C-alpha cells in the first residue's frame, strides 16, 4: 500500500470522526446573556459558564451580547442554547419564527418565538439543545 493512499485513508477517517462528533453533541452553542451597552460582552462571556470553552462573543445582533461555547453550559435548564434568527414582523410572526427555527435546528429540538426587546421591536428567539 502506498504512503499517499495510507495518508488519504487516515485523513478521511479523522474527518469522518470529527463530523460524527459535531453531529452528536450539537457543536456550537450560543447564548444571549445581556445587552452590550450594559456589560463588557467579551469579559462576561469568559466568566459566564464553567467547564466550557468560549469560542467567541458578538454584539452584532440588535446590540445583544451573544456568547458562543463549544457545547451547552452545564447546569442550565435545557434547551440551554439560543440564537436570534431575525426580526419578527407582520409577514413573519410567531408561527413563521417557529417554523424557521424548527427547520434550522430540526436535529436539536429547535423552538422559536417572537420576543419583544425595545420600543415595540421583536426578534425571533430560537432555543435548541447544544
N, C-alpha and C. Protein backbone atom coordinates (compact mmCIF):
# COMPACT_ATOMS: atom_id res chain seq x y z
N UNK A 1 0.85 -1.18 0.00
CA UNK A 1 0.00 0.00 0.00
C UNK A 1 0.90 1.24 0.00
N UNK A 2 0.60 2.20 -0.84
CA UNK A 2 1.45 3.38 -0.95
C UNK A 2 1.24 4.32 0.24
N UNK A 3 2.25 5.15 0.50
CA UNK A 3 2.18 6.10 1.61
C UNK A 3 1.09 7.13 1.39
N UNK A 4 0.92 7.57 0.14
CA UNK A 4 -0.11 8.58 -0.13
C UNK A 4 -1.51 8.02 0.10
N UNK A 5 -1.73 6.76 -0.26
CA UNK A 5 -3.04 6.15 -0.02
C UNK A 5 -3.28 6.01 1.48
N UNK A 6 -2.27 5.60 2.23
CA UNK A 6 -2.40 5.46 3.69
C UNK A 6 -2.72 6.81 4.33
N UNK A 7 -2.01 7.84 3.89
CA UNK A 7 -2.27 9.18 4.41
C UNK A 7 -3.71 9.61 4.11
N UNK A 8 -4.15 9.38 2.88
CA UNK A 8 -5.51 9.76 2.48
C UNK A 8 -6.55 9.00 3.31
N UNK A 9 -6.33 7.71 3.53
CA UNK A 9 -7.27 6.90 4.30
C UNK A 9 -7.36 7.40 5.74
N UNK A 10 -6.23 7.74 6.34
CA UNK A 10 -6.23 8.27 7.71
C UNK A 10 -6.92 9.63 7.75
N UNK A 11 -6.66 10.47 6.76
CA UNK A 11 -7.30 11.79 6.69
C UNK A 11 -8.82 11.65 6.62
N UNK A 12 -9.32 10.76 5.78
CA UNK A 12 -10.76 10.54 5.64
C UNK A 12 -11.35 10.03 6.95
N UNK A 13 -10.67 9.12 7.61
CA UNK A 13 -11.14 8.58 8.88
C UNK A 13 -11.23 9.67 9.95
N UNK A 14 -10.22 10.51 10.06
CA UNK A 14 -10.23 11.60 11.04
C UNK A 14 -11.36 12.58 10.72
N UNK A 15 -11.55 12.92 9.46
CA UNK A 15 -12.63 13.84 9.07
C UNK A 15 -13.99 13.25 9.42
N UNK A 16 -14.18 11.97 9.17
CA UNK A 16 -15.46 11.32 9.47
C UNK A 16 -15.74 11.33 10.97
N UNK A 17 -14.73 11.06 11.78
CA UNK A 17 -14.90 11.08 13.24
C UNK A 17 -15.26 12.48 13.70
N UNK A 18 -14.61 13.51 13.17
CA UNK A 18 -14.93 14.89 13.55
C UNK A 18 -16.36 15.25 13.17
N UNK A 19 -16.83 14.85 12.00
CA UNK A 19 -18.20 15.14 11.58
C UNK A 19 -19.20 14.44 12.49
N UNK A 20 -18.94 13.21 12.84
CA UNK A 20 -19.83 12.49 13.74
C UNK A 20 -19.88 13.17 15.10
N UNK A 21 -18.73 13.63 15.59
CA UNK A 21 -18.67 14.31 16.88
C UNK A 21 -19.51 15.58 16.86
N UNK A 22 -19.42 16.37 15.80
CA UNK A 22 -20.18 17.61 15.71
C UNK A 22 -21.67 17.32 15.64
N UNK A 23 -22.08 16.32 14.85
CA UNK A 23 -23.49 15.98 14.76
C UNK A 23 -24.02 15.43 16.06
N UNK A 24 -23.21 14.71 16.80
CA UNK A 24 -23.67 14.05 18.01
C UNK A 24 -23.89 15.00 19.17
N UNK A 25 -23.03 15.99 19.35
CA UNK A 25 -23.17 16.85 20.51
C UNK A 25 -23.73 18.22 20.19
N UNK A 26 -24.10 18.46 18.96
CA UNK A 26 -24.69 19.72 18.58
C UNK A 26 -23.70 20.80 18.21
N UNK A 27 -22.42 20.56 18.45
CA UNK A 27 -21.42 21.54 18.06
C UNK A 27 -21.53 22.80 18.89
N UNK A 28 -21.51 23.92 18.25
CA UNK A 28 -21.51 25.21 18.93
C UNK A 28 -22.86 25.49 19.60
N UNK A 29 -22.78 26.13 20.74
CA UNK A 29 -23.98 26.55 21.48
C UNK A 29 -23.86 28.04 21.73
N UNK A 30 -24.84 28.81 21.28
CA UNK A 30 -24.82 30.25 21.53
C UNK A 30 -25.86 30.59 22.60
N UNK A 31 -25.58 31.66 23.33
CA UNK A 31 -26.45 32.08 24.42
C UNK A 31 -26.47 33.60 24.47
N UNK A 32 -27.66 34.19 24.52
CA UNK A 32 -27.80 35.64 24.67
C UNK A 32 -27.76 35.92 26.17
N UNK A 33 -26.78 36.74 26.59
CA UNK A 33 -26.54 36.91 28.03
C UNK A 33 -26.74 38.34 28.53
N UNK A 34 -27.08 39.27 27.68
CA UNK A 34 -27.29 40.64 28.13
C UNK A 34 -27.19 41.64 27.00
N UNK A 35 -27.22 42.91 27.37
CA UNK A 35 -27.11 43.98 26.39
C UNK A 35 -25.68 44.51 26.39
N UNK A 36 -25.15 44.72 25.21
CA UNK A 36 -23.76 45.15 25.08
C UNK A 36 -23.51 46.55 25.62
N UNK A 37 -24.55 47.39 25.69
CA UNK A 37 -24.35 48.73 26.24
C UNK A 37 -24.33 48.71 27.77
N UNK A 38 -24.61 47.55 28.38
CA UNK A 38 -24.63 47.44 29.84
C UNK A 38 -23.48 46.59 30.39
N UNK A 39 -22.87 45.75 29.55
CA UNK A 39 -21.79 44.87 30.02
C UNK A 39 -20.66 44.83 29.00
N UNK A 40 -19.49 44.41 29.45
CA UNK A 40 -18.38 44.13 28.54
C UNK A 40 -18.60 42.70 28.05
N UNK A 41 -19.09 42.56 26.84
CA UNK A 41 -19.54 41.27 26.33
C UNK A 41 -18.45 40.20 26.38
N UNK A 42 -17.26 40.51 25.90
CA UNK A 42 -16.18 39.52 25.85
C UNK A 42 -15.81 39.03 27.25
N UNK A 43 -15.71 39.96 28.20
CA UNK A 43 -15.37 39.60 29.58
C UNK A 43 -16.50 38.78 30.20
N UNK A 44 -17.73 39.19 29.97
CA UNK A 44 -18.88 38.48 30.54
C UNK A 44 -18.95 37.05 30.01
N UNK A 45 -18.70 36.86 28.73
CA UNK A 45 -18.74 35.51 28.15
C UNK A 45 -17.68 34.61 28.78
N UNK A 46 -16.50 35.17 29.04
CA UNK A 46 -15.42 34.37 29.64
C UNK A 46 -15.79 33.87 31.04
N UNK A 47 -16.60 34.64 31.77
CA UNK A 47 -16.94 34.25 33.14
C UNK A 47 -18.35 33.67 33.26
N UNK A 48 -19.09 33.57 32.16
CA UNK A 48 -20.49 33.16 32.22
C UNK A 48 -20.68 31.71 32.66
N UNK A 49 -19.89 30.80 32.14
CA UNK A 49 -20.10 29.37 32.43
C UNK A 49 -18.77 28.68 32.67
N UNK A 50 -18.77 27.74 33.56
CA UNK A 50 -17.58 26.95 33.86
C UNK A 50 -17.60 25.68 33.02
N UNK A 51 -16.43 25.12 32.81
CA UNK A 51 -16.26 23.82 32.13
C UNK A 51 -16.71 23.81 30.67
N UNK A 52 -16.75 24.97 30.04
CA UNK A 52 -16.99 25.04 28.59
C UNK A 52 -15.96 25.99 27.99
N UNK A 53 -15.62 25.75 26.75
CA UNK A 53 -14.69 26.65 26.06
C UNK A 53 -15.48 27.76 25.39
N UNK A 54 -15.04 28.98 25.58
CA UNK A 54 -15.67 30.13 24.93
C UNK A 54 -15.06 30.26 23.53
N UNK A 55 -15.91 30.14 22.52
CA UNK A 55 -15.45 30.23 21.13
C UNK A 55 -15.45 31.66 20.62
N UNK A 56 -16.21 32.53 21.29
CA UNK A 56 -16.25 33.92 20.86
C UNK A 56 -17.42 34.66 21.47
N UNK A 57 -17.51 35.94 21.16
CA UNK A 57 -18.61 36.78 21.61
C UNK A 57 -18.93 37.78 20.51
N UNK A 58 -20.17 38.27 20.54
CA UNK A 58 -20.60 39.18 19.49
C UNK A 58 -21.67 40.13 20.00
N UNK A 59 -21.67 41.34 19.45
CA UNK A 59 -22.71 42.32 19.74
C UNK A 59 -23.43 42.71 18.46
N UNK A 60 -23.34 41.90 17.44
CA UNK A 60 -23.83 42.28 16.12
C UNK A 60 -25.33 42.08 15.92
N UNK A 61 -26.02 41.41 16.83
CA UNK A 61 -27.46 41.17 16.69
C UNK A 61 -28.20 42.07 17.67
N UNK A 62 -28.73 43.20 17.19
CA UNK A 62 -29.50 44.15 18.00
C UNK A 62 -28.76 44.60 19.26
N UNK A 63 -27.44 44.67 19.21
CA UNK A 63 -26.61 45.08 20.33
C UNK A 63 -26.79 44.19 21.57
N UNK A 64 -27.15 42.93 21.33
CA UNK A 64 -27.25 41.95 22.41
C UNK A 64 -25.94 41.18 22.49
N UNK A 65 -25.50 40.89 23.70
CA UNK A 65 -24.26 40.12 23.90
C UNK A 65 -24.56 38.64 23.69
N UNK A 66 -23.91 38.07 22.70
CA UNK A 66 -24.09 36.66 22.38
C UNK A 66 -22.76 35.94 22.58
N UNK A 67 -22.78 34.93 23.44
CA UNK A 67 -21.59 34.12 23.70
C UNK A 67 -21.71 32.82 22.91
N UNK A 68 -20.60 32.38 22.37
CA UNK A 68 -20.56 31.10 21.66
C UNK A 68 -19.66 30.16 22.45
N UNK A 69 -20.21 28.99 22.80
CA UNK A 69 -19.49 27.98 23.57
C UNK A 69 -19.31 26.73 22.72
N UNK A 70 -18.38 25.87 23.14
CA UNK A 70 -18.14 24.63 22.40
C UNK A 70 -19.25 23.60 22.63
N UNK A 71 -20.05 23.82 23.68
CA UNK A 71 -21.18 22.94 23.97
C UNK A 71 -22.11 23.67 24.94
N UNK A 72 -23.21 23.04 25.26
CA UNK A 72 -24.17 23.65 26.17
C UNK A 72 -23.57 23.82 27.56
N UNK A 73 -23.66 25.01 28.15
CA UNK A 73 -23.12 25.20 29.50
C UNK A 73 -23.83 24.30 30.51
N UNK A 74 -23.08 23.64 31.40
CA UNK A 74 -23.71 22.74 32.37
C UNK A 74 -24.52 23.50 33.40
N UNK A 75 -25.53 22.84 33.93
CA UNK A 75 -26.33 23.41 34.99
C UNK A 75 -27.47 24.30 34.53
N UNK A 76 -27.59 24.53 33.24
CA UNK A 76 -28.68 25.36 32.74
C UNK A 76 -29.86 24.49 32.32
N UNK A 77 -31.06 25.03 32.47
CA UNK A 77 -32.25 24.31 32.04
C UNK A 77 -32.16 24.08 30.54
N UNK A 78 -32.47 22.88 30.10
CA UNK A 78 -32.40 22.56 28.67
C UNK A 78 -33.73 22.91 28.00
N UNK A 79 -33.78 23.40 26.79
CA UNK A 79 -32.61 23.64 25.95
C UNK A 79 -31.88 24.91 26.37
N UNK A 80 -30.58 24.81 26.56
CA UNK A 80 -29.78 25.90 27.09
C UNK A 80 -29.25 26.84 26.03
N UNK A 81 -29.31 26.46 24.78
CA UNK A 81 -28.75 27.28 23.71
C UNK A 81 -29.84 28.12 23.07
N UNK A 82 -29.46 29.31 22.62
CA UNK A 82 -30.44 30.18 21.96
C UNK A 82 -29.73 31.09 20.97
N UNK A 83 -30.48 31.49 19.98
CA UNK A 83 -29.93 32.37 18.96
C UNK A 83 -31.07 33.23 18.42
N UNK A 84 -30.76 34.46 18.07
CA UNK A 84 -31.73 35.32 17.42
C UNK A 84 -31.66 35.10 15.92
N UNK A 85 -32.79 34.79 15.30
CA UNK A 85 -32.79 34.49 13.87
C UNK A 85 -33.04 35.70 13.00
N UNK A 86 -34.00 36.52 13.36
CA UNK A 86 -34.35 37.68 12.53
C UNK A 86 -35.35 38.52 13.30
N UNK A 87 -35.73 39.63 12.72
CA UNK A 87 -36.74 40.47 13.33
C UNK A 87 -38.12 39.88 13.05
N UNK A 88 -38.98 39.89 14.05
CA UNK A 88 -40.37 39.46 13.85
C UNK A 88 -41.16 40.67 13.36
N UNK A 89 -42.07 40.43 12.44
CA UNK A 89 -42.91 41.49 11.90
C UNK A 89 -44.20 40.87 11.38
N UNK A 90 -45.03 41.66 10.72
CA UNK A 90 -46.32 41.16 10.25
C UNK A 90 -46.19 39.94 9.34
N UNK A 91 -45.29 39.95 8.34
CA UNK A 91 -45.20 38.75 7.49
C UNK A 91 -44.60 37.54 8.20
N UNK A 92 -43.80 37.76 9.22
CA UNK A 92 -43.18 36.64 9.94
C UNK A 92 -43.33 36.85 11.44
N UNK A 93 -44.42 36.30 12.00
CA UNK A 93 -44.65 36.39 13.44
C UNK A 93 -44.33 35.05 14.09
N UNK A 94 -44.99 34.72 15.19
CA UNK A 94 -44.65 33.53 15.97
C UNK A 94 -44.63 32.23 15.17
N UNK A 95 -45.65 31.99 14.36
CA UNK A 95 -45.69 30.72 13.62
C UNK A 95 -44.56 30.63 12.60
N UNK A 96 -44.28 31.71 11.92
CA UNK A 96 -43.17 31.76 10.95
C UNK A 96 -41.84 31.61 11.67
N UNK A 97 -41.68 32.29 12.79
CA UNK A 97 -40.46 32.21 13.59
C UNK A 97 -40.22 30.77 14.03
N UNK A 98 -41.26 30.12 14.55
CA UNK A 98 -41.12 28.74 15.00
C UNK A 98 -40.77 27.81 13.83
N UNK A 99 -41.43 28.00 12.69
CA UNK A 99 -41.14 27.16 11.52
C UNK A 99 -39.69 27.31 11.08
N UNK A 100 -39.18 28.55 11.08
CA UNK A 100 -37.78 28.78 10.70
C UNK A 100 -36.82 28.11 11.69
N UNK A 101 -37.15 28.21 12.97
CA UNK A 101 -36.29 27.62 14.00
C UNK A 101 -36.31 26.09 13.92
N UNK A 102 -37.48 25.51 13.77
CA UNK A 102 -37.60 24.06 13.66
C UNK A 102 -36.82 23.57 12.45
N UNK A 103 -36.91 24.30 11.35
CA UNK A 103 -36.19 23.92 10.13
C UNK A 103 -34.68 24.00 10.32
N UNK A 104 -34.21 25.07 10.93
CA UNK A 104 -32.77 25.28 11.07
C UNK A 104 -32.14 24.35 12.12
N UNK A 105 -32.88 24.04 13.18
CA UNK A 105 -32.35 23.22 14.28
C UNK A 105 -33.20 21.97 14.48
N UNK A 106 -33.61 21.33 13.39
CA UNK A 106 -34.52 20.18 13.47
C UNK A 106 -33.92 19.01 14.25
N UNK A 107 -32.62 18.82 14.20
CA UNK A 107 -31.99 17.71 14.92
C UNK A 107 -31.67 18.06 16.37
N UNK A 108 -31.97 19.29 16.78
CA UNK A 108 -31.63 19.74 18.12
C UNK A 108 -32.84 20.27 18.88
N UNK A 109 -34.05 19.90 18.46
CA UNK A 109 -35.26 20.30 19.16
C UNK A 109 -35.53 21.78 19.14
N UNK A 110 -35.25 22.44 18.03
CA UNK A 110 -35.43 23.89 17.93
C UNK A 110 -36.87 24.34 18.09
N UNK A 111 -37.07 25.41 18.87
CA UNK A 111 -38.38 26.02 19.07
C UNK A 111 -38.19 27.53 18.99
N UNK A 112 -39.04 28.20 18.22
CA UNK A 112 -38.90 29.64 18.06
C UNK A 112 -40.12 30.41 18.52
N UNK A 113 -39.89 31.62 19.03
CA UNK A 113 -40.98 32.52 19.41
C UNK A 113 -40.49 33.95 19.30
N UNK A 114 -41.41 34.85 19.05
CA UNK A 114 -41.07 36.26 18.95
C UNK A 114 -40.98 36.85 20.36
N UNK A 115 -39.91 37.61 20.60
CA UNK A 115 -39.66 38.21 21.91
C UNK A 115 -39.47 39.71 21.72
N UNK A 116 -40.23 40.51 22.48
CA UNK A 116 -40.09 41.96 22.41
C UNK A 116 -38.89 42.39 23.23
N UNK A 117 -38.12 43.36 22.70
CA UNK A 117 -36.93 43.79 23.43
C UNK A 117 -36.79 45.29 23.55
N UNK A 118 -37.37 46.09 22.69
CA UNK A 118 -37.26 47.54 22.83
C UNK A 118 -38.25 48.24 21.91
N UNK A 119 -38.97 49.20 22.46
CA UNK A 119 -39.84 50.07 21.67
C UNK A 119 -40.64 49.32 20.61
N UNK A 120 -41.37 48.32 21.04
CA UNK A 120 -42.23 47.52 20.16
C UNK A 120 -41.49 46.79 19.05
N UNK A 121 -40.21 46.55 19.24
CA UNK A 121 -39.45 45.73 18.29
C UNK A 121 -39.35 44.32 18.85
N UNK A 122 -39.44 43.35 17.97
CA UNK A 122 -39.36 41.96 18.40
C UNK A 122 -38.41 41.20 17.48
N UNK A 123 -37.76 40.20 18.05
CA UNK A 123 -36.93 39.33 17.22
C UNK A 123 -37.31 37.88 17.49
N UNK A 124 -36.97 37.03 16.55
CA UNK A 124 -37.25 35.61 16.64
C UNK A 124 -36.17 34.96 17.49
N UNK A 125 -36.54 34.47 18.66
CA UNK A 125 -35.62 33.79 19.56
C UNK A 125 -35.80 32.29 19.37
N UNK A 126 -34.72 31.64 19.00
CA UNK A 126 -34.75 30.20 18.77
C UNK A 126 -33.96 29.51 19.87
N UNK A 127 -34.60 28.59 20.59
CA UNK A 127 -33.90 27.81 21.60
C UNK A 127 -33.68 26.40 21.07
N UNK A 128 -32.56 25.80 21.45
CA UNK A 128 -32.22 24.46 20.97
C UNK A 128 -31.26 23.77 21.93
N UNK A 129 -31.16 22.46 21.79
CA UNK A 129 -30.22 21.68 22.61
C UNK A 129 -28.84 21.76 21.99
N UNK A 130 -27.83 22.00 22.81
CA UNK A 130 -26.46 22.09 22.31
C UNK A 130 -25.71 20.79 22.37
